[in-house]
Amino acid sequence: MVTGISLHDGTTIPQLGFGTYLVPPEETADIVGEAFDVGYRHIDTAQMYGNEEGVGRAIATSGLARDDLYITSKLNNGNHRPDDVRRTFDETMAKLGLEQLDLFLIHWPLPTLYDGDYVSTWKAVAGLVDGGRLRSVGVSNFEPAHLDRIIEETGIVPVVNQIEAHPYFANNAAREASLRHGVVVEAWSPLGQGAALNDRAISKIAEAHGKSVSQVILRWHVQRGDIVFPKTMSRDRMAENFALFDFSLTDEEMRVIDALDRGEQGRVGPHPDVFDYIPG
């Protein structure tokens, strides 16, 4: 059974969810519907993914009670100006067909754009809670300095920081900074875009438990306290990824996986300090 993690604003988020990154918009409703059938109730999407409408259709046809679902979306990089934050949040809500969103994140800090002002973006995103249509606010890909700055300048602490994290890139600096502020870590690319699936050390652990390598990696995240939302187009893989709560890794097995961290050499995505992509 999927456990919930308490956030500092008094809400609770399911620790395991389903990610929709690179799920084609025209297939999203069917894929998310399959995820609902498997048992997922936490769905992660984003303005940048272009598939919020598909997620909304899946929700509308699921027959599931709204209170049983946890839905996250994220601000597109081209929408950082406060007026654009508010305008495009309205668009997100219309596409999802929701009266209230559980969590909304700044997708990237973009410190080299917008004159380096991601603080006003954070204020605008946090201000959405006052309107009653958003329950919780967080960030994604924020480095320690980015976190420190928005908290120092606004006094508003994100509930989560969604960062790249997997066995080959533990991203410890960003993780530790998040935890220091009471911010829960969400791990994107939890399998390292598949890079860790052929690791011999993890394979040995998987064999010992009669589990797949991906299940062991996701279990490692869960025991670290991370929130994970693996993405797959396969129903069988969805079910496999969902089966994480009937076994545990030993302290020694956790240490073995911890030791696979390659630091910056293990990073598979862009570095938040320099990432400046704005979709056309």
C-alpha atoms as a PDB file:
ATOM      1  CA  MET A   1       0.000   0.000   0.000  1.00  0.00           C
ATOM      2  CA  VAL A   2       1.315   3.453  -0.949  1.00  0.00           C
ATOM      3  CA  THR A   3       2.269   5.472   2.096  1.00  0.00           C
ATOM      4  CA  GLY A   4       1.767   9.193   2.499  1.00  0.00           C
ATOM      5  CA  ILE A   5       4.338  11.808   3.487  1.00  0.00           C
ATOM      6  CA  SER A   6       3.306  14.757   5.632  1.00  0.00           C
ATOM      7  CA  LEU A   7       4.260  18.163   4.256  1.00  0.00           C
ATOM      8  CA  HIS A   8       4.967  21.160   6.454  1.00  0.00           C
ATOM      9  CA  ASP A   9       1.749  22.916   5.396  1.00  0.00           C
ATOM     10  CA  GLY A  10      -0.336  20.165   6.980  1.00  0.00           C
ATOM     11  CA  THR A  11      -1.169  18.314   3.748  1.00  0.00           C
ATOM     12  CA  THR A  12      -0.142  14.784   2.826  1.00  0.00           C
ATOM     13  CA  ILE A  13       1.327  13.576  -0.478  1.00  0.00           C
ATOM     14  CA  PRO A  14       1.457   9.956  -1.698  1.00  0.00           C
ATOM     15  CA  GLN A  15       5.082   8.793  -1.767  1.00  0.00           C
ATOM     16  CA  LEU A  16       4.637   6.924  -5.050  1.00  0.00           C
ATOM     17  CA  GLY A  17       3.120   8.535  -8.099  1.00  0.00           C
ATOM     18  CA  PHE A  18       2.974   8.259 -11.877  1.00  0.00           C
ATOM     19  CA  GLY A  19       5.011  10.609 -14.075  1.00  0.00           C
ATOM     20  CA  THR A  20       3.822  11.865 -17.472  1.00  0.00           C
ATOM     21  CA  TYR A  21       7.040  13.371 -18.857  1.00  0.00           C
ATOM     22  CA  LEU A  22       7.284  12.544 -22.594  1.00  0.00           C
ATOM     23  CA  VAL A  23       3.899  10.819 -22.598  1.00  0.00           C
ATOM     24  CA  PRO A  24       2.428  11.966 -25.964  1.00  0.00           C
ATOM     25  CA  PRO A  25      -0.566  14.268 -25.473  1.00  0.00           C
ATOM     26  CA  GLU A  26      -2.788  12.119 -27.678  1.00  0.00           C
ATOM     27  CA  GLU A  27      -2.000   9.037 -25.566  1.00  0.00           C
ATOM     28  CA  THR A  28      -2.014  10.632 -22.130  1.00  0.00           C
ATOM     29  CA  ALA A  29      -5.663   9.994 -21.232  1.00  0.00           C
ATOM     30  CA  ASP A  30      -5.332   6.277 -21.979  1.00  0.00           C
ATOM     31  CA  ILE A  31      -1.947   5.898 -20.253  1.00  0.00           C
ATOM     32  CA  VAL A  32      -3.024   7.756 -17.104  1.00  0.00           C
ATOM     33  CA  GLY A  33      -6.242   5.747 -17.136  1.00  0.00           C
ATOM     34  CA  GLU A  34      -4.142   2.565 -17.112  1.00  0.00           C
ATOM     35  CA  ALA A  35      -2.157   3.973 -14.173  1.00  0.00           C
ATOM     36  CA  PHE A  36      -5.390   4.597 -12.283  1.00  0.00           C
ATOM     37  CA  ASP A  37      -6.458   1.005 -12.975  1.00  0.00           C
ATOM     38  CA  VAL A  38      -3.165  -0.277 -11.549  1.00  0.00           C
ATOM     39  CA  GLY A  39      -3.702   1.749  -8.392  1.00  0.00           C
ATOM     40  CA  TYR A  40      -1.792   5.011  -8.824  1.00  0.00           C
ATOM     41  CA  ARG A  41      -3.530   8.036  -7.326  1.00  0.00           C
ATOM     42  CA  HIS A  42      -0.709  10.616  -7.571  1.00  0.00           C
ATOM     43  CA  ILE A  43      -0.152  12.065 -11.060  1.00  0.00           C
ATOM     44  CA  ASP A  44       2.686  14.434 -11.979  1.00  0.00           C
ATOM     45  CA  THR A  45       2.320  16.604 -15.084  1.00  0.00           C
ATOM     46  CA  ALA A  46       3.528  20.055 -16.223  1.00  0.00           C
ATOM     47  CA  GLN A  47       2.627  22.896 -18.522  1.00  0.00           C
ATOM     48  CA  MET A  48       5.802  22.113 -20.460  1.00  0.00           C
ATOM     49  CA  TYR A  49       4.732  18.506 -21.108  1.00  0.00           C
ATOM     50  CA  GLY A  50       1.756  19.625 -23.189  1.00  0.00           C
ATOM     51  CA  ASN A  51      -0.425  16.839 -21.811  1.00  0.00           C
ATOM     52  CA  GLU A  52      -2.432  18.451 -19.010  1.00  0.00           C
ATOM     53  CA  GLU A  53      -5.632  18.080 -21.059  1.00  0.00           C
ATOM     54  CA  GLY A  54      -5.030  14.331 -21.344  1.00  0.00           C
ATOM     55  CA  VAL A  55      -4.538  14.073 -17.611  1.00  0.00           C
ATOM     56  CA  GLY A  56      -7.769  15.990 -17.165  1.00  0.00           C
ATOM     57  CA  ARG A  57      -9.664  13.618 -19.441  1.00  0.00           C
ATOM     58  CA  ALA A  58      -8.326  10.627 -17.517  1.00  0.00           C
ATOM     59  CA  ILE A  59      -9.459  12.183 -14.236  1.00  0.00           C
ATOM     60  CA  ALA A  60     -12.912  12.997 -15.627  1.00  0.00           C
ATOM     61  CA  THR A  61     -13.519   9.459 -16.894  1.00  0.00           C
ATOM     62  CA  SER A  62     -11.855   7.588 -14.020  1.00  0.00           C
ATOM     63  CA  GLY A  63     -14.870   7.380 -11.758  1.00  0.00           C
ATOM     64  CA  LEU A  64     -12.522   8.097  -8.851  1.00  0.00           C
ATOM     65  CA  ALA A  65     -13.398  10.534  -6.095  1.00  0.00           C
ATOM     66  CA  ARG A  66     -11.450  13.777  -6.326  1.00  0.00           C
ATOM     67  CA  ASP A  67     -10.358  13.452  -2.701  1.00  0.00           C
ATOM     68  CA  ASP A  68      -8.653  10.161  -3.573  1.00  0.00           C
ATOM     69  CA  LEU A  69      -6.379  11.811  -6.151  1.00  0.00           C
ATOM     70  CA  TYR A  70      -3.262  13.959  -5.825  1.00  0.00           C
ATOM     71  CA  ILE A  71      -2.446  16.046  -8.904  1.00  0.00           C
ATOM     72  CA  THR A  72       0.712  18.096  -9.502  1.00  0.00           C
ATOM     73  CA  SER A  73       1.570  20.469 -12.338  1.00  0.00           C
ATOM     74  CA  LYS A  74       4.446  22.863 -12.954  1.00  0.00           C
ATOM     75  CA  LEU A  75       4.992  26.346 -14.331  1.00  0.00           C
ATOM     76  CA  ASN A  76       6.401  26.561 -17.849  1.00  0.00           C
ATOM     77  CA  ASN A  77       9.752  28.336 -18.184  1.00  0.00           C
ATOM     78  CA  GLY A  78       8.232  30.992 -20.424  1.00  0.00           C
ATOM     79  CA  ASN A  79       5.669  31.985 -17.795  1.00  0.00           C
ATOM     80  CA  HIS A  80       7.809  33.315 -14.949  1.00  0.00           C
ATOM     81  CA  ARG A  81       6.507  36.882 -14.920  1.00  0.00           C
ATOM     82  CA  PRO A  82       3.871  37.259 -12.178  1.00  0.00           C
ATOM     83  CA  ASP A  83       1.034  38.111 -14.566  1.00  0.00           C
ATOM     84  CA  ASP A  84       1.922  35.064 -16.665  1.00  0.00           C
ATOM     85  CA  VAL A  85       2.003  32.878 -13.556  1.00  0.00           C
ATOM     86  CA  ARG A  86      -1.580  33.795 -12.738  1.00  0.00           C
ATOM     87  CA  ARG A  87      -2.829  33.656 -16.344  1.00  0.00           C
ATOM     88  CA  THR A  88      -1.303  30.275 -17.157  1.00  0.00           C
ATOM     89  CA  PHE A  89      -2.362  28.779 -13.841  1.00  0.00           C
ATOM     90  CA  ASP A  90      -5.925  29.533 -14.934  1.00  0.00           C
ATOM     91  CA  GLU A  91      -5.165  27.722 -18.199  1.00  0.00           C
ATOM     92  CA  THR A  92      -3.751  24.740 -16.322  1.00  0.00           C
ATOM     93  CA  MET A  93      -6.869  24.487 -14.190  1.00  0.00           C
ATOM     94  CA  ALA A  94      -9.095  24.624 -17.269  1.00  0.00           C
ATOM     95  CA  LYS A  95      -7.077  21.920 -19.038  1.00  0.00           C
ATOM     96  CA  LEU A  96      -7.126  19.657 -15.993  1.00  0.00           C
ATOM     97  CA  GLY A  97     -10.804  20.354 -15.394  1.00  0.00           C
ATOM     98  CA  LEU A  98     -10.191  20.821 -11.683  1.00  0.00           C
ATOM     99  CA  GLU A  99     -11.563  23.253  -9.137  1.00  0.00           C
ATOM    100  CA  GLN A 100      -8.491  22.799  -6.933  1.00  0.00           C
ATOM    101  CA  LEU A 101      -4.940  21.627  -7.662  1.00  0.00           C
ATOM    102  CA  ASP A 102      -2.999  19.757  -5.000  1.00  0.00           C
ATOM    103  CA  LEU A 103       0.495  21.023  -5.854  1.00  0.00           C
ATOM    104  CA  PHE A 104       2.009  23.550  -8.267  1.00  0.00           C
ATOM    105  CA  LEU A 105       5.750  23.943  -8.772  1.00  0.00           C
ATOM    106  CA  ILE A 106       8.170  26.347 -10.414  1.00  0.00           C
ATOM    107  CA  HIS A 107       9.651  23.916 -12.929  1.00  0.00           C
ATOM    108  CA  TRP A 108      13.143  25.509 -13.151  1.00  0.00           C
ATOM    109  CA  PRO A 109      14.694  28.511 -11.358  1.00  0.00           C
ATOM    110  CA  LEU A 110      16.250  29.966 -14.572  1.00  0.00           C
ATOM    111  CA  PRO A 111      18.774  32.156 -12.715  1.00  0.00           C
ATOM    112  CA  THR A 112      20.316  33.427 -15.986  1.00  0.00           C
ATOM    113  CA  LEU A 113      16.955  34.691 -17.298  1.00  0.00           C
ATOM    114  CA  TYR A 114      14.386  37.275 -16.158  1.00  0.00           C
ATOM    115  CA  ASP A 115      17.263  39.377 -14.734  1.00  0.00           C
ATOM    116  CA  GLY A 116      17.860  36.559 -12.277  1.00  0.00           C
ATOM    117  CA  ASP A 117      14.556  37.286 -10.546  1.00  0.00           C
ATOM    118  CA  TYR A 118      12.931  33.998  -9.639  1.00  0.00           C
ATOM    119  CA  VAL A 119      11.880  35.465  -6.283  1.00  0.00           C
ATOM    120  CA  SER A 120       8.961  37.411  -7.764  1.00  0.00           C
ATOM    121  CA  THR A 121       7.962  34.242  -9.607  1.00  0.00           C
ATOM    122  CA  TRP A 122       7.973  32.364  -6.305  1.00  0.00           C
ATOM    123  CA  LYS A 123       5.861  35.069  -4.637  1.00  0.00           C
ATOM    124  CA  ALA A 124       3.325  34.850  -7.466  1.00  0.00           C
ATOM    125  CA  VAL A 125       3.151  31.061  -7.334  1.00  0.00           C
ATOM    126  CA  ALA A 126       2.840  31.063  -3.532  1.00  0.00           C
ATOM    127  CA  GLY A 127       0.128  33.701  -3.786  1.00  0.00           C
ATOM    128  CA  LEU A 128      -2.071  31.305  -5.731  1.00  0.00           C
ATOM    129  CA  VAL A 129      -2.856  29.474  -2.484  1.00  0.00           C
ATOM    130  CA  ASP A 130      -4.777  32.513  -1.242  1.00  0.00           C
ATOM    131  CA  GLY A 131      -7.319  32.098  -4.022  1.00  0.00           C
ATOM    132  CA  GLY A 132      -8.359  28.685  -2.723  1.00  0.00           C
ATOM    133  CA  ARG A 133      -7.724  26.832  -5.972  1.00  0.00           C
ATOM    134  CA  LEU A 134      -4.269  25.604  -4.943  1.00  0.00           C
ATOM    135  CA  ARG A 135      -3.430  23.643  -1.811  1.00  0.00           C
ATOM    136  CA  SER A 136       0.387  23.543  -1.814  1.00  0.00           C
ATOM    137  CA  VAL A 137       3.326  25.212  -3.556  1.00  0.00           C
ATOM    138  CA  GLY A 138       6.802  23.927  -4.253  1.00  0.00           C
ATOM    139  CA  VAL A 139       9.779  24.152  -6.540  1.00  0.00           C
ATOM    140  CA  SER A 140      11.697  21.929  -8.886  1.00  0.00           C
ATOM    141  CA  ASN A 141      15.402  21.822  -9.748  1.00  0.00           C
ATOM    142  CA  PHE A 142      16.314  24.396  -7.093  1.00  0.00           C
ATOM    143  CA  GLU A 143      19.922  24.322  -5.957  1.00  0.00           C
ATOM    144  CA  PRO A 144      20.830  25.200  -2.340  1.00  0.00           C
ATOM    145  CA  ALA A 145      21.451  28.867  -3.169  1.00  0.00           C
ATOM    146  CA  HIS A 146      18.131  29.129  -4.981  1.00  0.00           C
ATOM    147  CA  LEU A 147      16.267  27.655  -2.015  1.00  0.00           C
ATOM    148  CA  ASP A 148      18.061  29.832   0.505  1.00  0.00           C
ATOM    149  CA  ARG A 149      17.301  32.959  -1.497  1.00  0.00           C
ATOM    150  CA  ILE A 150      13.558  32.501  -1.942  1.00  0.00           C
ATOM    151  CA  ILE A 151      13.111  31.530   1.694  1.00  0.00           C
ATOM    152  CA  GLU A 152      15.245  34.392   3.025  1.00  0.00           C
ATOM    153  CA  GLU A 153      13.559  37.000   0.803  1.00  0.00           C
ATOM    154  CA  THR A 154       9.945  35.852   1.176  1.00  0.00           C
ATOM    155  CA  GLY A 155       9.723  33.764   4.340  1.00  0.00           C
ATOM    156  CA  ILE A 156       7.718  31.219   2.321  1.00  0.00           C
ATOM    157  CA  VAL A 157       9.109  27.675   2.382  1.00  0.00           C
ATOM    158  CA  PRO A 158       8.283  25.291  -0.492  1.00  0.00           C
ATOM    159  CA  VAL A 159       6.704  22.012   0.564  1.00  0.00           C
ATOM    160  CA  VAL A 160       8.769  20.011  -1.939  1.00  0.00           C
ATOM    161  CA  ASN A 161      11.805  20.349  -4.189  1.00  0.00           C
ATOM    162  CA  GLN A 162      11.624  18.072  -7.217  1.00  0.00           C
ATOM    163  CA  ILE A 163      15.218  17.313  -8.247  1.00  0.00           C
ATOM    164  CA  GLU A 164      17.140  14.823 -10.343  1.00  0.00           C
ATOM    165  CA  ALA A 165      18.126  11.958  -8.045  1.00  0.00           C
ATOM    166  CA  HIS A 166      19.080   8.336  -8.674  1.00  0.00           C
ATOM    167  CA  PRO A 167      21.816   5.893  -7.590  1.00  0.00           C
ATOM    168  CA  TYR A 168      24.422   7.401  -9.918  1.00  0.00           C
ATOM    169  CA  PHE A 169      23.554  10.977  -8.921  1.00  0.00           C
ATOM    170  CA  ALA A 170      22.315  11.252  -5.350  1.00  0.00           C
ATOM    171  CA  ASN A 171      22.300  15.071  -5.649  1.00  0.00           C
ATOM    172  CA  ASN A 172      23.210  15.270  -1.987  1.00  0.00           C
ATOM    173  CA  ALA A 173      23.825  19.022  -1.805  1.00  0.00           C
ATOM    174  CA  ALA A 174      20.354  19.909  -3.081  1.00  0.00           C
ATOM    175  CA  ARG A 175      18.798  17.100  -1.070  1.00  0.00           C
ATOM    176  CA  GLU A 176      20.448  18.135   2.192  1.00  0.00           C
ATOM    177  CA  ALA A 177      19.583  21.799   1.642  1.00  0.00           C
ATOM    178  CA  SER A 178      15.963  20.838   1.054  1.00  0.00           C
ATOM    179  CA  LEU A 179      15.767  18.720   4.184  1.00  0.00           C
ATOM    180  CA  ARG A 180      17.457  21.449   6.223  1.00  0.00           C
ATOM    181  CA  HIS A 181      14.538  23.740   5.377  1.00  0.00           C
ATOM    182  CA  GLY A 182      11.924  21.049   6.041  1.00  0.00           C
ATOM    183  CA  VAL A 183      11.337  20.611   2.302  1.00  0.00           C
ATOM    184  CA  VAL A 184      10.524  17.082   1.121  1.00  0.00           C
ATOM    185  CA  VAL A 185      12.518  15.755  -1.849  1.00  0.00           C
ATOM    186  CA  GLU A 186      10.841  14.461  -4.980  1.00  0.00           C
ATOM    187  CA  ALA A 187      13.148  12.483  -7.276  1.00  0.00           C
ATOM    188  CA  TRP A 188      12.780  12.888 -11.012  1.00  0.00           C
ATOM    189  CA  SER A 189      14.534  10.408 -13.288  1.00  0.00           C
ATOM    190  CA  PRO A 190      14.631   8.004 -10.308  1.00  0.00           C
ATOM    191  CA  LEU A 191      16.158   5.268 -12.475  1.00  0.00           C
ATOM    192  CA  GLY A 192      18.740   7.602 -14.040  1.00  0.00           C
ATOM    193  CA  GLN A 193      16.953   7.368 -17.408  1.00  0.00           C
ATOM    194  CA  GLY A 194      17.619   3.650 -17.259  1.00  0.00           C
ATOM    195  CA  ALA A 195      21.374   3.972 -16.731  1.00  0.00           C
ATOM    196  CA  ALA A 196      21.285   2.186 -13.378  1.00  0.00           C
ATOM    197  CA  LEU A 197      19.188  -0.749 -14.568  1.00  0.00           C
ATOM    198  CA  ASN A 198      22.258  -2.709 -15.669  1.00  0.00           C
ATOM    199  CA  ASP A 199      24.270  -2.131 -12.506  1.00  0.00           C
ATOM    200  CA  ARG A 200      25.741  -5.388 -11.160  1.00  0.00           C
ATOM    201  CA  ALA A 201      25.611  -4.377  -7.514  1.00  0.00           C
ATOM    202  CA  ILE A 202      21.924  -3.522  -7.725  1.00  0.00           C
ATOM    203  CA  SER A 203      21.238  -6.675  -9.752  1.00  0.00           C
ATOM    204  CA  LYS A 204      22.693  -8.797  -6.933  1.00  0.00           C
ATOM    205  CA  ILE A 205      20.413  -7.104  -4.418  1.00  0.00           C
ATOM    206  CA  ALA A 206      17.434  -7.626  -6.726  1.00  0.00           C
ATOM    207  CA  GLU A 207      18.221 -11.326  -7.059  1.00  0.00           C
ATOM    208  CA  ALA A 208      18.419 -11.686  -3.292  1.00  0.00           C
ATOM    209  CA  HIS A 209      14.915 -10.271  -2.909  1.00  0.00           C
ATOM    210  CA  GLY A 210      13.359 -11.860  -5.985  1.00  0.00           C
ATOM    211  CA  LYS A 211      12.614  -8.372  -7.289  1.00  0.00           C
ATOM    212  CA  SER A 212      13.499  -6.423 -10.424  1.00  0.00           C
ATOM    213  CA  VAL A 213      16.327  -3.898 -10.500  1.00  0.00           C
ATOM    214  CA  SER A 214      13.859  -1.050 -10.992  1.00  0.00           C
ATOM    215  CA  GLN A 215      11.884  -2.178  -7.935  1.00  0.00           C
ATOM    216  CA  VAL A 216      15.058  -2.183  -5.843  1.00  0.00           C
ATOM    217  CA  ILE A 217      16.045   1.304  -7.022  1.00  0.00           C
ATOM    218  CA  LEU A 218      12.586   2.693  -6.332  1.00  0.00           C
ATOM    219  CA  ARG A 219      12.598   0.998  -2.926  1.00  0.00           C
ATOM    220  CA  TRP A 220      15.941   2.694  -2.198  1.00  0.00           C
ATOM    221  CA  HIS A 221      14.282   6.039  -2.900  1.00  0.00           C
ATOM    222  CA  VAL A 222      11.306   5.199  -0.708  1.00  0.00           C
ATOM    223  CA  GLN A 223      13.502   4.226   2.222  1.00  0.00           C
ATOM    224  CA  ARG A 224      15.478   7.465   1.820  1.00  0.00           C
ATOM    225  CA  GLY A 225      12.205   9.324   2.205  1.00  0.00           C
ATOM    226  CA  ASP A 226      12.015  10.507  -1.418  1.00  0.00           C
ATOM    227  CA  ILE A 227       8.785  10.854  -3.369  1.00  0.00           C
ATOM    228  CA  VAL A 228       9.042   9.008  -6.695  1.00  0.00           C
ATOM    229  CA  PHE A 229       6.877   8.951  -9.812  1.00  0.00           C
ATOM    230  CA  PRO A 230       8.377   6.651 -12.452  1.00  0.00           C
ATOM    231  CA  LYS A 231       7.044   6.986 -15.999  1.00  0.00           C
ATOM    232  CA  THR A 232       6.319   4.061 -18.286  1.00  0.00           C
ATOM    233  CA  MET A 233       3.974   3.352 -21.180  1.00  0.00           C
ATOM    234  CA  SER A 234       3.728  -0.330 -20.231  1.00  0.00           C
ATOM    235  CA  ARG A 235       0.941  -1.534 -17.945  1.00  0.00           C
ATOM    236  CA  ASP A 236       3.107  -4.448 -16.784  1.00  0.00           C
ATOM    237  CA  ARG A 237       5.895  -2.057 -15.827  1.00  0.00           C
ATOM    238  CA  MET A 238       3.393   0.220 -14.095  1.00  0.00           C
ATOM    239  CA  ALA A 239       2.312  -2.725 -11.947  1.00  0.00           C
ATOM    240  CA  GLU A 240       5.919  -3.721 -11.287  1.00  0.00           C
ATOM    241  CA  ASN A 241       6.850  -0.196 -10.206  1.00  0.00           C
ATOM    242  CA  PHE A 242       3.804  -0.092  -7.944  1.00  0.00           C
ATOM    243  CA  ALA A 243       4.873  -3.215  -6.024  1.00  0.00           C
ATOM    244  CA  LEU A 244       7.363  -1.570  -3.669  1.00  0.00           C
ATOM    245  CA  PHE A 245       5.811  -1.993  -0.280  1.00  0.00           C
ATOM    246  CA  ASP A 246       6.086  -5.732   0.380  1.00  0.00           C
ATOM    247  CA  PHE A 247       9.852  -5.810   0.923  1.00  0.00           C
ATOM    248  CA  SER A 248      12.629  -3.733   2.489  1.00  0.00           C
ATOM    249  CA  LEU A 249      16.323  -3.221   1.840  1.00  0.00           C
ATOM    250  CA  THR A 250      18.778  -3.827   4.661  1.00  0.00           C
ATOM    251  CA  ASP A 251      21.001  -1.052   5.955  1.00  0.00           C
ATOM    252  CA  GLU A 252      23.941  -2.684   4.173  1.00  0.00           C
ATOM    253  CA  GLU A 253      22.038  -2.864   0.882  1.00  0.00           C
ATOM    254  CA  MET A 254      21.158   0.812   1.231  1.00  0.00           C
ATOM    255  CA  ARG A 255      24.849   1.603   1.774  1.00  0.00           C
ATOM    256  CA  VAL A 256      25.833  -0.398  -1.313  1.00  0.00           C
ATOM    257  CA  ILE A 257      23.477   1.657  -3.471  1.00  0.00           C
ATOM    258  CA  ASP A 258      24.506   4.902  -1.760  1.00  0.00           C
ATOM    259  CA  ALA A 259      28.114   4.126  -2.716  1.00  0.00           C
ATOM    260  CA  LEU A 260      27.241   4.140  -6.448  1.00  0.00           C
ATOM    261  CA  ASP A 261      26.913   7.938  -6.441  1.00  0.00           C
ATOM    262  CA  ARG A 262      29.191   9.483  -9.100  1.00  0.00           C
ATOM    263  CA  GLY A 263      28.600  13.092  -8.150  1.00  0.00           C
ATOM    264  CA  GLU A 264      28.278  15.537 -11.031  1.00  0.00           C
ATOM    265  CA  GLN A 265      29.552  12.905 -13.462  1.00  0.00           C
ATOM    266  CA  GLY A 266      26.364  10.957 -12.809  1.00  0.00           C
ATOM    267  CA  ARG A 267      23.999  13.813 -13.677  1.00  0.00           C
ATOM    268  CA  VAL A 268      21.927  13.027 -16.788  1.00  0.00           C
ATOM    269  CA  GLY A 269      19.894  16.236 -16.984  1.00  0.00           C
ATOM    270  CA  PRO A 270      20.930  19.894 -17.316  1.00  0.00           C
ATOM    271  CA  HIS A 271      22.415  21.804 -14.399  1.00  0.00           C
ATOM    272  CA  PRO A 272      19.899  24.235 -12.866  1.00  0.00           C
ATOM    273  CA  ASP A 273      22.516  26.985 -12.564  1.00  0.00           C
ATOM    274  CA  VAL A 274      22.769  27.304 -16.357  1.00  0.00           C
ATOM    275  CA  PHE A 275      19.600  25.774 -17.783  1.00  0.00           C
ATOM    276  CA  ASP A 276      17.775  28.461 -19.768  1.00  0.00           C
ATOM    277  CA  TYR A 277      15.468  26.612 -22.168  1.00  0.00           C
ATOM    278  CA  ILE A 278      12.157  28.259 -22.998  1.00  0.00           C
ATOM    279  CA  PRO A 279       9.866  26.247 -25.261  1.00  0.00           C
ATOM    280  CA  GLY A 280       9.010  27.973 -28.509  1.00  0.00           C
END
